[in-house]
């Protein structure tokens, strides 16, 4: 992995994430969650299934 054009898909600037149309509502949800977490510097990792689980917070580096 490195710089260059993606083999599939495309890169989208974080401030333009509301513009693209995604293949599914689930994809839109995860991308929008990333954008929200990125803007706050507050990330989490989901552990679970498609119906139940928990989000474990990741502490922000000082």
Protein backbone atom coordinates (compact mmCIF):
# COMPACT_ATOMS: atom_id res chain seq x y z
CA UNK A 1 0.00 0.00 0.00
CA UNK A 2 1.14 3.50 -0.65
CA UNK A 3 0.41 6.59 -2.63
CA UNK A 4 -1.34 6.41 -5.98
CA UNK A 5 -4.71 5.74 -7.50
CA UNK A 6 -6.95 3.16 -5.82
CA UNK A 7 -7.55 -0.10 -7.69
CA UNK A 8 -11.26 0.21 -6.98
CA UNK A 9 -13.47 2.90 -5.54
CA UNK A 10 -12.25 6.41 -4.96
CA UNK A 11 -10.90 8.74 -2.33
CA UNK A 12 -13.28 11.39 -0.99
CA UNK A 13 -12.24 14.39 1.09
CA UNK A 14 -13.68 14.22 4.61
CA UNK A 15 -15.55 17.48 4.14
CA UNK A 16 -17.35 16.01 1.10
CA UNK A 17 -18.57 12.74 2.63
CA UNK A 18 -22.20 13.88 2.56
CA UNK A 19 -22.05 14.15 -1.26
CA UNK A 20 -21.36 10.57 -2.45
CA UNK A 21 -24.04 7.94 -2.88
CA UNK A 22 -23.06 4.64 -1.29
CA UNK A 23 -24.06 1.11 -2.31
CA UNK A 24 -25.93 0.55 0.94
CA UNK A 25 -27.22 2.33 4.03
CA UNK A 26 -24.74 0.30 6.10
CA UNK A 27 -21.80 1.68 4.09
CA UNK A 28 -23.12 5.22 4.44
CA UNK A 29 -23.52 4.72 8.21
CA UNK A 30 -19.96 3.47 8.73
CA UNK A 31 -18.43 6.22 6.59
CA UNK A 32 -20.45 8.91 8.36
CA UNK A 33 -19.48 7.43 11.74
CA UNK A 34 -15.81 7.61 10.74
CA UNK A 35 -16.22 11.24 9.69
CA UNK A 36 -17.87 12.10 13.00
CA UNK A 37 -15.21 10.28 15.03
CA UNK A 38 -12.46 11.87 12.97
CA UNK A 39 -13.80 15.39 13.54
CA UNK A 40 -13.94 14.80 17.31
CA UNK A 41 -10.75 12.75 17.55
CA UNK A 42 -12.83 10.16 19.37
CA UNK A 43 -12.58 6.70 17.79
CA UNK A 44 -14.12 3.40 18.74
CA UNK A 45 -13.95 -0.23 17.64
CA UNK A 46 -17.14 -2.28 17.30
CA UNK A 47 -17.15 -5.81 18.66
CA UNK A 48 -20.21 -7.89 17.92
CA UNK A 49 -22.50 -9.14 15.21
CA UNK A 50 -24.78 -7.35 12.78
CA UNK A 51 -27.52 -7.31 15.43
CA UNK A 52 -25.78 -6.77 18.76
CA UNK A 53 -22.44 -5.60 20.07
CA UNK A 54 -20.51 -2.88 21.86
CA UNK A 55 -18.29 0.01 20.79
CA UNK A 56 -15.04 0.18 22.76
CA UNK A 57 -13.54 3.67 22.87
CA UNK A 58 -9.93 4.24 21.90
CA UNK A 59 -8.19 6.87 23.97
CA UNK A 60 -6.95 9.88 22.04
CA UNK A 61 -3.18 10.30 21.96
CA UNK A 62 -1.97 13.33 23.89
